Structures are given as structure tokens and as C-alpha cells.
Amino acid sequence: PISDASNSRLVLNLGKQRGKLMNGDTVVMDYPISSGRSS
């Protein structure tokens, strides 16, 4: 609830295929992603 555009950042982990919405060092949301294939 207190995370917003003024204090958030994104960390996208290609190895784990996970995205994280962060507020400082706190994971606010952890969700599945799909990144680019080898080509």
C-alpha cells in the first residue's frame, strides 16, 4: 500500500524467470516472467 512510483524499483531475474517489485530492500511483489529466447 505504501509503495508507489516515488519509491519503487524493478528487479527482473532472467535465471529464475521472476520479476520483483521492490520498495527499498523489501520485495513488494514477486511474479513470474518470460524473457527473450536465445535468438
PDB file of all heavy atoms in Angstrom:
ATOM      1  N   PRO A   1       0.791  -1.228   0.000  1.00  0.00           N
ATOM      2  CA  PRO A   1       0.000   0.000   0.000  1.00  0.00           C
ATOM      3  C   PRO A   1       0.828   1.286   0.000  1.00  0.00           C
ATOM      4  O   PRO A   1       0.383   2.290  -0.541  1.00  0.00           O
ATOM      5  CB  PRO A   1      -0.821  -0.091   1.294  1.00  0.00           C
ATOM      6  CG  PRO A   1      -0.798  -1.512   1.695  1.00  0.00           C
ATOM      7  CD  PRO A   1       0.469  -2.085   1.147  1.00  0.00           C
ATOM      8  N   ILE A   2       2.016   1.252   0.610  1.00  0.00           N
ATOM      9  CA  ILE A   2       2.813   2.483   0.653  1.00  0.00           C
ATOM     10  C   ILE A   2       3.854   2.556  -0.461  1.00  0.00           C
ATOM     11  O   ILE A   2       4.575   3.531  -0.558  1.00  0.00           O
ATOM     12  CB  ILE A   2       3.479   2.679   2.024  1.00  0.00           C
ATOM     13  CG1 ILE A   2       4.505   1.591   2.298  1.00  0.00           C
ATOM     14  CG2 ILE A   2       2.447   2.769   3.126  1.00  0.00           C
ATOM     15  CD1 ILE A   2       5.401   1.895   3.475  1.00  0.00           C
ATOM     16  N   SER A   3       3.913   1.544  -1.291  1.00  0.00           N
ATOM     17  CA  SER A   3       4.822   1.576  -2.435  1.00  0.00           C
ATOM     18  C   SER A   3       4.120   2.290  -3.572  1.00  0.00           C
ATOM     19  O   SER A   3       2.944   2.043  -3.855  1.00  0.00           O
ATOM     20  CB  SER A   3       5.208   0.160  -2.856  1.00  0.00           C
ATOM     21  OG  SER A   3       5.919  -0.471  -1.819  1.00  0.00           O
ATOM     22  N   ASP A   4       4.862   3.189  -4.213  1.00  0.00           N
ATOM     23  CA  ASP A   4       4.307   3.924  -5.337  1.00  0.00           C
ATOM     24  C   ASP A   4       5.448   4.319  -6.263  1.00  0.00           C
ATOM     25  O   ASP A   4       6.591   3.907  -6.068  1.00  0.00           O
ATOM     26  CB  ASP A   4       3.488   5.131  -4.862  1.00  0.00           C
ATOM     27  CG  ASP A   4       4.310   6.122  -4.050  1.00  0.00           C
ATOM     28  OD1 ASP A   4       5.531   6.261  -4.286  1.00  0.00           O
ATOM     29  OD2 ASP A   4       3.714   6.770  -3.159  1.00  0.00           O
ATOM     30  N   ALA A   5       5.133   5.130  -7.244  1.00  0.00           N
ATOM     31  CA  ALA A   5       6.124   5.497  -8.248  1.00  0.00           C
ATOM     32  C   ALA A   5       7.291   6.297  -7.672  1.00  0.00           C
ATOM     33  O   ALA A   5       8.333   6.400  -8.305  1.00  0.00           O
ATOM     34  CB  ALA A   5       5.442   6.281  -9.368  1.00  0.00           C
ATOM     35  N   SER A   6       7.141   6.811  -6.466  1.00  0.00           N
ATOM     36  CA  SER A   6       8.233   7.595  -5.874  1.00  0.00           C
ATOM     37  C   SER A   6       9.264   6.739  -5.147  1.00  0.00           C
ATOM     38  O   SER A   6      10.354   7.221  -4.854  1.00  0.00           O
ATOM     39  CB  SER A   6       7.664   8.635  -4.899  1.00  0.00           C
ATOM     40  OG  SER A   6       7.201   8.009  -3.712  1.00  0.00           O
ATOM     41  N   ASN A   7       8.928   5.474  -4.814  1.00  0.00           N
ATOM     42  CA  ASN A   7       9.847   4.682  -4.002  1.00  0.00           C
ATOM     43  C   ASN A   7      10.034   3.239  -4.483  1.00  0.00           C
ATOM     44  O   ASN A   7      10.593   2.428  -3.777  1.00  0.00           O
ATOM     45  CB  ASN A   7       9.381   4.684  -2.535  1.00  0.00           C
ATOM     46  CG  ASN A   7       7.977   4.142  -2.356  1.00  0.00           C
ATOM     47  OD1 ASN A   7       7.462   3.410  -3.191  1.00  0.00           O
ATOM     48  ND2 ASN A   7       7.337   4.522  -1.256  1.00  0.00           N
ATOM     49  N   SER A   8       9.563   2.936  -5.665  1.00  0.00           N
ATOM     50  CA  SER A   8       9.654   1.563  -6.179  1.00  0.00           C
ATOM     51  C   SER A   8      10.787   1.414  -7.175  1.00  0.00           C
ATOM     52  O   SER A   8      11.255   2.384  -7.767  1.00  0.00           O
ATOM     53  CB  SER A   8       8.348   1.163  -6.854  1.00  0.00           C
ATOM     54  OG  SER A   8       7.311   1.088  -5.908  1.00  0.00           O
ATOM     55  N   ARG A   9      11.193   0.160  -7.369  1.00  0.00           N
ATOM     56  CA  ARG A   9      12.151  -0.211  -8.414  1.00  0.00           C
ATOM     57  C   ARG A   9      11.827  -1.626  -8.840  1.00  0.00           C
ATOM     58  O   ARG A   9      11.107  -2.351  -8.145  1.00  0.00           O
ATOM     59  CB  ARG A   9      13.590  -0.081  -7.928  1.00  0.00           C
ATOM     60  CG  ARG A   9      13.962  -1.010  -6.803  1.00  0.00           C
ATOM     61  CD  ARG A   9      15.373  -0.711  -6.265  1.00  0.00           C
ATOM     62  NE  ARG A   9      15.663  -1.478  -5.083  1.00  0.00           N
ATOM     63  CZ  ARG A   9      16.271  -2.663  -5.071  1.00  0.00           C
ATOM     64  NH1 ARG A   9      16.667  -3.218  -6.225  1.00  0.00           N
ATOM     65  NH2 ARG A   9      16.494  -3.302  -3.947  1.00  0.00           N
ATOM     66  N   LEU A  10      12.336  -2.033 -10.005  1.00  0.00           N
ATOM     67  CA  LEU A  10      12.104  -3.383 -10.515  1.00  0.00           C
ATOM     68  C   LEU A  10      13.418  -4.152 -10.575  1.00  0.00           C
ATOM     69  O   LEU A  10      14.452  -3.599 -10.972  1.00  0.00           O
ATOM     70  CB  LEU A  10      11.492  -3.336 -11.915  1.00  0.00           C
ATOM     71  CG  LEU A  10      10.074  -2.792 -12.039  1.00  0.00           C
ATOM     72  CD1 LEU A  10       9.682  -2.651 -13.499  1.00  0.00           C
ATOM     73  CD2 LEU A  10       9.106  -3.690 -11.300  1.00  0.00           C
ATOM     74  N   VAL A  11      13.349  -5.428 -10.208  1.00  0.00           N
ATOM     75  CA  VAL A  11      14.467  -6.355 -10.368  1.00  0.00           C
ATOM     76  C   VAL A  11      13.912  -7.550 -11.138  1.00  0.00           C
ATOM     77  O   VAL A  11      12.979  -8.214 -10.680  1.00  0.00           O
ATOM     78  CB  VAL A  11      15.050  -6.805  -9.013  1.00  0.00           C
ATOM     79  CG1 VAL A  11      16.144  -7.842  -9.231  1.00  0.00           C
ATOM     80  CG2 VAL A  11      15.576  -5.607  -8.233  1.00  0.00           C
ATOM     81  N   LEU A  12      14.467  -7.805 -12.317  1.00  0.00           N
ATOM     82  CA  LEU A  12      13.988  -8.878 -13.197  1.00  0.00           C
ATOM     83  C   LEU A  12      15.106  -9.903 -13.343  1.00  0.00           C
ATOM     84  O   LEU A  12      16.177  -9.594 -13.869  1.00  0.00           O
ATOM     85  CB  LEU A  12      13.562  -8.288 -14.536  1.00  0.00           C
ATOM     86  CG  LEU A  12      12.511  -7.168 -14.398  1.00  0.00           C
ATOM     87  CD1 LEU A  12      12.358  -6.401 -15.685  1.00  0.00           C
ATOM     88  CD2 LEU A  12      11.201  -7.720 -13.919  1.00  0.00           C
ATOM     89  N   ASN A  13      14.846 -11.106 -12.832  1.00  0.00           N
ATOM     90  CA  ASN A  13      15.862 -12.147 -12.783  1.00  0.00           C
ATOM     91  C   ASN A  13      15.640 -13.141 -13.919  1.00  0.00           C
ATOM     92  O   ASN A  13      14.675 -13.909 -13.898  1.00  0.00           O
ATOM     93  CB  ASN A  13      15.807 -12.852 -11.419  1.00  0.00           C
ATOM     94  CG  ASN A  13      16.935 -13.834 -11.247  1.00  0.00           C
ATOM     95  OD1 ASN A  13      17.074 -14.772 -12.022  1.00  0.00           O
ATOM     96  ND2 ASN A  13      17.748 -13.624 -10.214  1.00  0.00           N
ATOM     97  N   LEU A  14      16.541 -13.116 -14.904  1.00  0.00           N
ATOM     98  CA  LEU A  14      16.401 -13.974 -16.081  1.00  0.00           C
ATOM     99  C   LEU A  14      16.644 -15.441 -15.752  1.00  0.00           C
ATOM    100  O   LEU A  14      16.007 -16.319 -16.329  1.00  0.00           O
ATOM    101  CB  LEU A  14      17.350 -13.507 -17.188  1.00  0.00           C
ATOM    102  CG  LEU A  14      17.229 -12.038 -17.616  1.00  0.00           C
ATOM    103  CD1 LEU A  14      18.163 -11.759 -18.790  1.00  0.00           C
ATOM    104  CD2 LEU A  14      15.802 -11.671 -17.955  1.00  0.00           C
ATOM    105  N   GLY A  15      17.536 -15.724 -14.839  1.00  0.00           N
ATOM    106  CA  GLY A  15      17.832 -17.104 -14.471  1.00  0.00           C
ATOM    107  C   GLY A  15      16.658 -17.788 -13.800  1.00  0.00           C
ATOM    108  O   GLY A  15      16.358 -18.949 -14.078  1.00  0.00           O
ATOM    109  N   LYS A  16      15.994 -17.072 -12.925  1.00  0.00           N
ATOM    110  CA  LYS A  16      14.850 -17.631 -12.197  1.00  0.00           C
ATOM    111  C   LYS A  16      13.519 -17.371 -12.898  1.00  0.00           C
ATOM    112  O   LYS A  16      12.502 -17.915 -12.490  1.00  0.00           O
ATOM    113  CB  LYS A  16      14.795 -17.044 -10.786  1.00  0.00           C
ATOM    114  CG  LYS A  16      15.967 -17.459  -9.926  1.00  0.00           C
ATOM    115  CD  LYS A  16      15.859 -16.852  -8.541  1.00  0.00           C
ATOM    116  CE  LYS A  16      17.056 -17.270  -7.700  1.00  0.00           C
ATOM    117  NZ  LYS A  16      17.035 -16.637  -6.376  1.00  0.00           N
ATOM    118  N   GLN A  17      13.547 -16.506 -13.929  1.00  0.00           N
ATOM    119  CA  GLN A  17      12.331 -16.108 -14.636  1.00  0.00           C
ATOM    120  C   GLN A  17      11.304 -15.553 -13.642  1.00  0.00           C
ATOM    121  O   GLN A  17      10.139 -15.940 -13.615  1.00  0.00           O
ATOM    122  CB  GLN A  17      11.753 -17.271 -15.463  1.00  0.00           C
ATOM    123  CG  GLN A  17      12.642 -17.715 -16.619  1.00  0.00           C
ATOM    124  CD  GLN A  17      12.724 -16.675 -17.722  1.00  0.00           C
ATOM    125  OE1 GLN A  17      11.789 -16.466 -18.483  1.00  0.00           O
ATOM    126  NE2 GLN A  17      13.870 -15.992 -17.824  1.00  0.00           N
ATOM    127  N   ARG A  18      11.778 -14.610 -12.807  1.00  0.00           N
ATOM    128  CA  ARG A  18      10.944 -13.964 -11.795  1.00  0.00           C
ATOM    129  C   ARG A  18      11.154 -12.457 -11.860  1.00  0.00           C
ATOM    130  O   ARG A  18      12.277 -11.983 -12.065  1.00  0.00           O
ATOM    131  CB  ARG A  18      11.291 -14.430 -10.372  1.00  0.00           C
ATOM    132  CG  ARG A  18      11.177 -15.907 -10.097  1.00  0.00           C
ATOM    133  CD  ARG A  18       9.802 -16.470 -10.192  1.00  0.00           C
ATOM    134  NE  ARG A  18       8.888 -15.903  -9.194  1.00  0.00           N
ATOM    135  CZ  ARG A  18       7.619 -16.264  -9.095  1.00  0.00           C
ATOM    136  NH1 ARG A  18       7.110 -17.155  -9.916  1.00  0.00           N
ATOM    137  NH2 ARG A  18       6.843 -15.715  -8.188  1.00  0.00           N
ATOM    138  N   GLY A  19      10.074 -11.730 -11.661  1.00  0.00           N
ATOM    139  CA  GLY A  19      10.137 -10.285 -11.534  1.00  0.00           C
ATOM    140  C   GLY A  19       9.836  -9.902 -10.104  1.00  0.00           C
ATOM    141  O   GLY A  19       9.042 -10.566  -9.437  1.00  0.00           O
ATOM    142  N   LYS A  20      10.484  -8.846  -9.635  1.00  0.00           N
ATOM    143  CA  LYS A  20      10.229  -8.365  -8.282  1.00  0.00           C
ATOM    144  C   LYS A  20      10.022  -6.860  -8.308  1.00  0.00           C
ATOM    145  O   LYS A  20      10.866  -6.122  -8.820  1.00  0.00           O
ATOM    146  CB  LYS A  20      11.387  -8.705  -7.352  1.00  0.00           C
ATOM    147  CG  LYS A  20      11.525 -10.192  -7.102  1.00  0.00           C
ATOM    148  CD  LYS A  20      12.671 -10.490  -6.173  1.00  0.00           C
ATOM    149  CE  LYS A  20      12.786 -11.995  -5.974  1.00  0.00           C
ATOM    150  NZ  LYS A  20      13.955 -12.346  -5.173  1.00  0.00           N
ATOM    151  N   LEU A  21       8.897  -6.446  -7.747  1.00  0.00           N
ATOM    152  CA  LEU A  21       8.652  -5.042  -7.478  1.00  0.00           C
ATOM    153  C   LEU A  21       9.190  -4.798  -6.078  1.00  0.00           C
ATOM    154  O   LEU A  21       8.821  -5.509  -5.140  1.00  0.00           O
ATOM    155  CB  LEU A  21       7.154  -4.730  -7.551  1.00  0.00           C
ATOM    156  CG  LEU A  21       6.749  -3.305  -7.199  1.00  0.00           C
ATOM    157  CD1 LEU A  21       7.293  -2.316  -8.234  1.00  0.00           C
ATOM    158  CD2 LEU A  21       5.233  -3.205  -7.113  1.00  0.00           C
ATOM    159  N   MET A  22      10.095  -3.841  -5.950  1.00  0.00           N
ATOM    160  CA  MET A  22      10.800  -3.607  -4.694  1.00  0.00           C
ATOM    161  C   MET A  22      10.467  -2.224  -4.132  1.00  0.00           C
ATOM    162  O   MET A  22      10.253  -1.276  -4.888  1.00  0.00           O
ATOM    163  CB  MET A  22      12.316  -3.679  -4.926  1.00  0.00           C
ATOM    164  CG  MET A  22      12.832  -4.935  -5.586  1.00  0.00           C
ATOM    165  SD  MET A  22      12.727  -6.391  -4.550  1.00  0.00           S
ATOM    166  CE  MET A  22      13.908  -5.972  -3.264  1.00  0.00           C
ATOM    167  N   ASN A  23      10.486  -2.128  -2.807  1.00  0.00           N
ATOM    168  CA  ASN A  23      10.459  -0.859  -2.087  1.00  0.00           C
ATOM    169  C   ASN A  23      11.655  -0.941  -1.149  1.00  0.00           C
ATOM    170  O   ASN A  23      11.623  -1.673  -0.167  1.00  0.00           O
ATOM    171  CB  ASN A  23       9.151  -0.699  -1.315  1.00  0.00           C
ATOM    172  CG  ASN A  23       9.067   0.631  -0.577  1.00  0.00           C
ATOM    173  OD1 ASN A  23      10.066   1.151  -0.108  1.00  0.00           O
ATOM    174  ND2 ASN A  23       7.871   1.169  -0.478  1.00  0.00           N
ATOM    175  N   GLY A  24      12.733  -0.247  -1.493  1.00  0.00           N
ATOM    176  CA  GLY A  24      13.981  -0.411  -0.756  1.00  0.00           C
ATOM    177  C   GLY A  24      14.475  -1.830  -0.936  1.00  0.00           C
ATOM    178  O   GLY A  24      14.573  -2.332  -2.052  1.00  0.00           O
ATOM    179  N   ASP A  25      14.715  -2.530   0.166  1.00  0.00           N
ATOM    180  CA  ASP A  25      15.149  -3.925   0.106  1.00  0.00           C
ATOM    181  C   ASP A  25      14.006  -4.900   0.313  1.00  0.00           C
ATOM    182  O   ASP A  25      14.227  -6.108   0.414  1.00  0.00           O
ATOM    183  CB  ASP A  25      16.244  -4.185   1.158  1.00  0.00           C
ATOM    184  CG  ASP A  25      17.550  -3.494   0.813  1.00  0.00           C
ATOM    185  OD1 ASP A  25      17.812  -3.300  -0.389  1.00  0.00           O
ATOM    186  OD2 ASP A  25      18.299  -3.138   1.747  1.00  0.00           O
ATOM    187  N   THR A  26      12.785  -4.386   0.382  1.00  0.00           N
ATOM    188  CA  THR A  26      11.618  -5.231   0.606  1.00  0.00           C
ATOM    189  C   THR A  26      10.980  -5.632  -0.713  1.00  0.00           C
ATOM    190  O   THR A  26      10.712  -4.777  -1.561  1.00  0.00           O
ATOM    191  CB  THR A  26      10.560  -4.494   1.463  1.00  0.00           C
ATOM    192  OG1 THR A  26      11.158  -4.132   2.706  1.00  0.00           O
ATOM    193  CG2 THR A  26       9.344  -5.357   1.717  1.00  0.00           C
ATOM    194  N   VAL A  27      10.757  -6.925  -0.890  1.00  0.00           N
ATOM    195  CA  VAL A  27      10.038  -7.421  -2.067  1.00  0.00           C
ATOM    196  C   VAL A  27       8.557  -7.163  -1.831  1.00  0.00           C
ATOM    197  O   VAL A  27       7.952  -7.702  -0.917  1.00  0.00           O
ATOM    198  CB  VAL A  27      10.288  -8.932  -2.282  1.00  0.00           C
ATOM    199  CG1 VAL A  27       9.460  -9.439  -3.465  1.00  0.00           C
ATOM    200  CG2 VAL A  27      11.763  -9.206  -2.486  1.00  0.00           C
ATOM    201  N   VAL A  28       7.983  -6.315  -2.656  1.00  0.00           N
ATOM    202  CA  VAL A  28       6.571  -5.951  -2.549  1.00  0.00           C
ATOM    203  C   VAL A  28       5.716  -6.947  -3.317  1.00  0.00           C
ATOM    204  O   VAL A  28       4.623  -7.313  -2.902  1.00  0.00           O
ATOM    205  CB  VAL A  28       6.350  -4.524  -3.071  1.00  0.00           C
ATOM    206  CG1 VAL A  28       4.885  -4.154  -3.065  1.00  0.00           C
ATOM    207  CG2 VAL A  28       7.166  -3.529  -2.262  1.00  0.00           C
ATOM    208  N   MET A  29       6.234  -7.382  -4.465  1.00  0.00           N
ATOM    209  CA  MET A  29       5.526  -8.349  -5.298  1.00  0.00           C
ATOM    210  C   MET A  29       6.553  -9.188  -6.032  1.00  0.00           C
ATOM    211  O   MET A  29       7.530  -8.663  -6.558  1.00  0.00           O
ATOM    212  CB  MET A  29       4.625  -7.619  -6.298  1.00  0.00           C
ATOM    213  CG  MET A  29       3.769  -8.537  -7.132  1.00  0.00           C
ATOM    214  SD  MET A  29       2.753  -7.632  -8.336  1.00  0.00           S
ATOM    215  CE  MET A  29       1.703  -6.712  -7.250  1.00  0.00           C
ATOM    216  N   ASP A  30       6.349 -10.496  -6.071  1.00  0.00           N
ATOM    217  CA  ASP A  30       7.217 -11.444  -6.764  1.00  0.00           C
ATOM    218  C   ASP A  30       6.328 -12.192  -7.744  1.00  0.00           C
ATOM    219  O   ASP A  30       5.336 -12.785  -7.336  1.00  0.00           O
ATOM    220  CB  ASP A  30       7.831 -12.391  -5.735  1.00  0.00           C
ATOM    221  CG  ASP A  30       8.810 -13.382  -6.345  1.00  0.00           C
ATOM    222  OD1 ASP A  30       8.786 -13.631  -7.562  1.00  0.00           O
ATOM    223  OD2 ASP A  30       9.586 -13.951  -5.582  1.00  0.00           O
ATOM    224  N   TYR A  31       6.654 -12.134  -9.044  1.00  0.00           N
ATOM    225  CA  TYR A  31       5.762 -12.681 -10.059  1.00  0.00           C
ATOM    226  C   TYR A  31       6.552 -13.350 -11.190  1.00  0.00           C
ATOM    227  O   TYR A  31       7.712 -13.028 -11.422  1.00  0.00           O
ATOM    228  CB  TYR A  31       4.852 -11.577 -10.609  1.00  0.00           C
ATOM    229  CG  TYR A  31       5.600 -10.383 -11.177  1.00  0.00           C
ATOM    230  CD1 TYR A  31       5.843 -10.273 -12.535  1.00  0.00           C
ATOM    231  CD2 TYR A  31       6.072  -9.373 -10.340  1.00  0.00           C
ATOM    232  CE1 TYR A  31       6.532  -9.192 -13.053  1.00  0.00           C
ATOM    233  CE2 TYR A  31       6.759  -8.286 -10.846  1.00  0.00           C
ATOM    234  CZ  TYR A  31       6.988  -8.197 -12.203  1.00  0.00           C
ATOM    235  OH  TYR A  31       7.680  -7.127 -12.719  1.00  0.00           O
ATOM    236  N   PRO A  32       5.920 -14.295 -11.900  1.00  0.00           N
ATOM    237  CA  PRO A  32       6.611 -14.984 -12.995  1.00  0.00           C
ATOM    238  C   PRO A  32       6.757 -14.100 -14.230  1.00  0.00           C
ATOM    239  O   PRO A  32       5.880 -13.267 -14.512  1.00  0.00           O
ATOM    240  CB  PRO A  32       5.715 -16.184 -13.285  1.00  0.00           C
ATOM    241  CG  PRO A  32       4.369 -15.793 -12.801  1.00  0.00           C
ATOM    242  CD  PRO A  32       4.583 -14.839 -11.666  1.00  0.00           C
ATOM    243  N   ILE A  33       7.871 -14.305 -14.924  1.00  0.00           N
ATOM    244  CA  ILE A  33       8.142 -13.590 -16.173  1.00  0.00           C
ATOM    245  C   ILE A  33       8.609 -14.591 -17.235  1.00  0.00           C
ATOM    246  O   ILE A  33       8.905 -15.744 -16.931  1.00  0.00           O
ATOM    247  CB  ILE A  33       9.216 -12.497 -15.992  1.00  0.00           C
ATOM    248  CG1 ILE A  33      10.565 -13.109 -15.581  1.00  0.00           C
ATOM    249  CG2 ILE A  33       8.745 -11.432 -15.010  1.00  0.00           C
ATOM    250  CD1 ILE A  33      11.738 -12.154 -15.650  1.00  0.00           C
ATOM    251  N   SER A  34       8.697 -14.109 -18.460  1.00  0.00           N
ATOM    252  CA  SER A  34       9.318 -14.853 -19.543  1.00  0.00           C
ATOM    253  C   SER A  34      10.152 -13.869 -20.348  1.00  0.00           C
ATOM    254  O   SER A  34       9.622 -12.891 -20.884  1.00  0.00           O
ATOM    255  CB  SER A  34       8.269 -15.522 -20.440  1.00  0.00           C
ATOM    256  OG  SER A  34       8.901 -16.245 -21.481  1.00  0.00           O
ATOM    257  N   SER A  35      11.446 -14.107 -20.408  1.00  0.00           N
ATOM    258  CA  SER A  35      12.372 -13.202 -21.080  1.00  0.00           C
ATOM    259  C   SER A  35      12.663 -13.682 -22.501  1.00  0.00           C
ATOM    260  O   SER A  35      12.043 -14.613 -22.996  1.00  0.00           O
ATOM    261  CB  SER A  35      13.658 -13.105 -20.256  1.00  0.00           C
ATOM    262  OG  SER A  35      14.264 -14.378 -20.149  1.00  0.00           O
ATOM    263  N   GLY A  36      13.645 -13.049 -23.136  1.00  0.00           N
ATOM    264  CA  GLY A  36      13.990 -13.361 -24.513  1.00  0.00           C
ATOM    265  C   GLY A  36      14.647 -14.716 -24.682  1.00  0.00           C
ATOM    266  O   GLY A  36      15.487 -15.115 -23.885  1.00  0.00           O
ATOM    267  N   ARG A  37      14.252 -15.390 -25.756  1.00  0.00           N
ATOM    268  CA  ARG A  37      14.862 -16.692 -26.072  1.00  0.00           C
ATOM    269  C   ARG A  37      16.257 -16.459 -26.656  1.00  0.00           C
ATOM    270  O   ARG A  37      16.653 -15.320 -26.906  1.00  0.00           O
ATOM    271  CB  ARG A  37      13.958 -17.471 -27.016  1.00  0.00           C
ATOM    272  CG  ARG A  37      13.622 -16.780 -28.312  1.00  0.00           C
ATOM    273  CD  ARG A  37      12.599 -17.605 -29.107  1.00  0.00           C
ATOM    274  NE  ARG A  37      12.249 -16.954 -30.349  1.00  0.00           N
ATOM    275  CZ  ARG A  37      11.033 -16.518 -30.644  1.00  0.00           C
ATOM    276  NH1 ARG A  37      10.053 -16.654 -29.792  1.00  0.00           N
ATOM    277  NH2 ARG A  37      10.793 -15.959 -31.801  1.00  0.00           N
ATOM    278  N   SER A  38      17.000 -17.524 -26.867  1.00  0.00           N
ATOM    279  CA  SER A  38      18.416 -17.387 -27.260  1.00  0.00           C
ATOM    280  C   SER A  38      18.597 -16.614 -28.566  1.00  0.00           C
ATOM    281  O   SER A  38      19.585 -15.900 -28.718  1.00  0.00           O
ATOM    282  CB  SER A  38      19.084 -18.761 -27.352  1.00  0.00           C
ATOM    283  OG  SER A  38      18.433 -19.565 -28.317  1.00  0.00           O
ATOM    284  N   SER A  39      17.665 -16.702 -29.491  1.00  0.00           N
ATOM    285  CA  SER A  39      17.787 -15.971 -30.760  1.00  0.00           C
ATOM    286  C   SER A  39      17.444 -14.481 -30.615  1.00  0.00           C
ATOM    287  O   SER A  39      17.761 -13.682 -31.493  1.00  0.00           O
ATOM    288  CB  SER A  39      16.890 -16.599 -31.826  1.00  0.00           C
ATOM    289  OG  SER A  39      15.532 -16.552 -31.419  1.00  0.00           O
TER     290      SER A  39
END
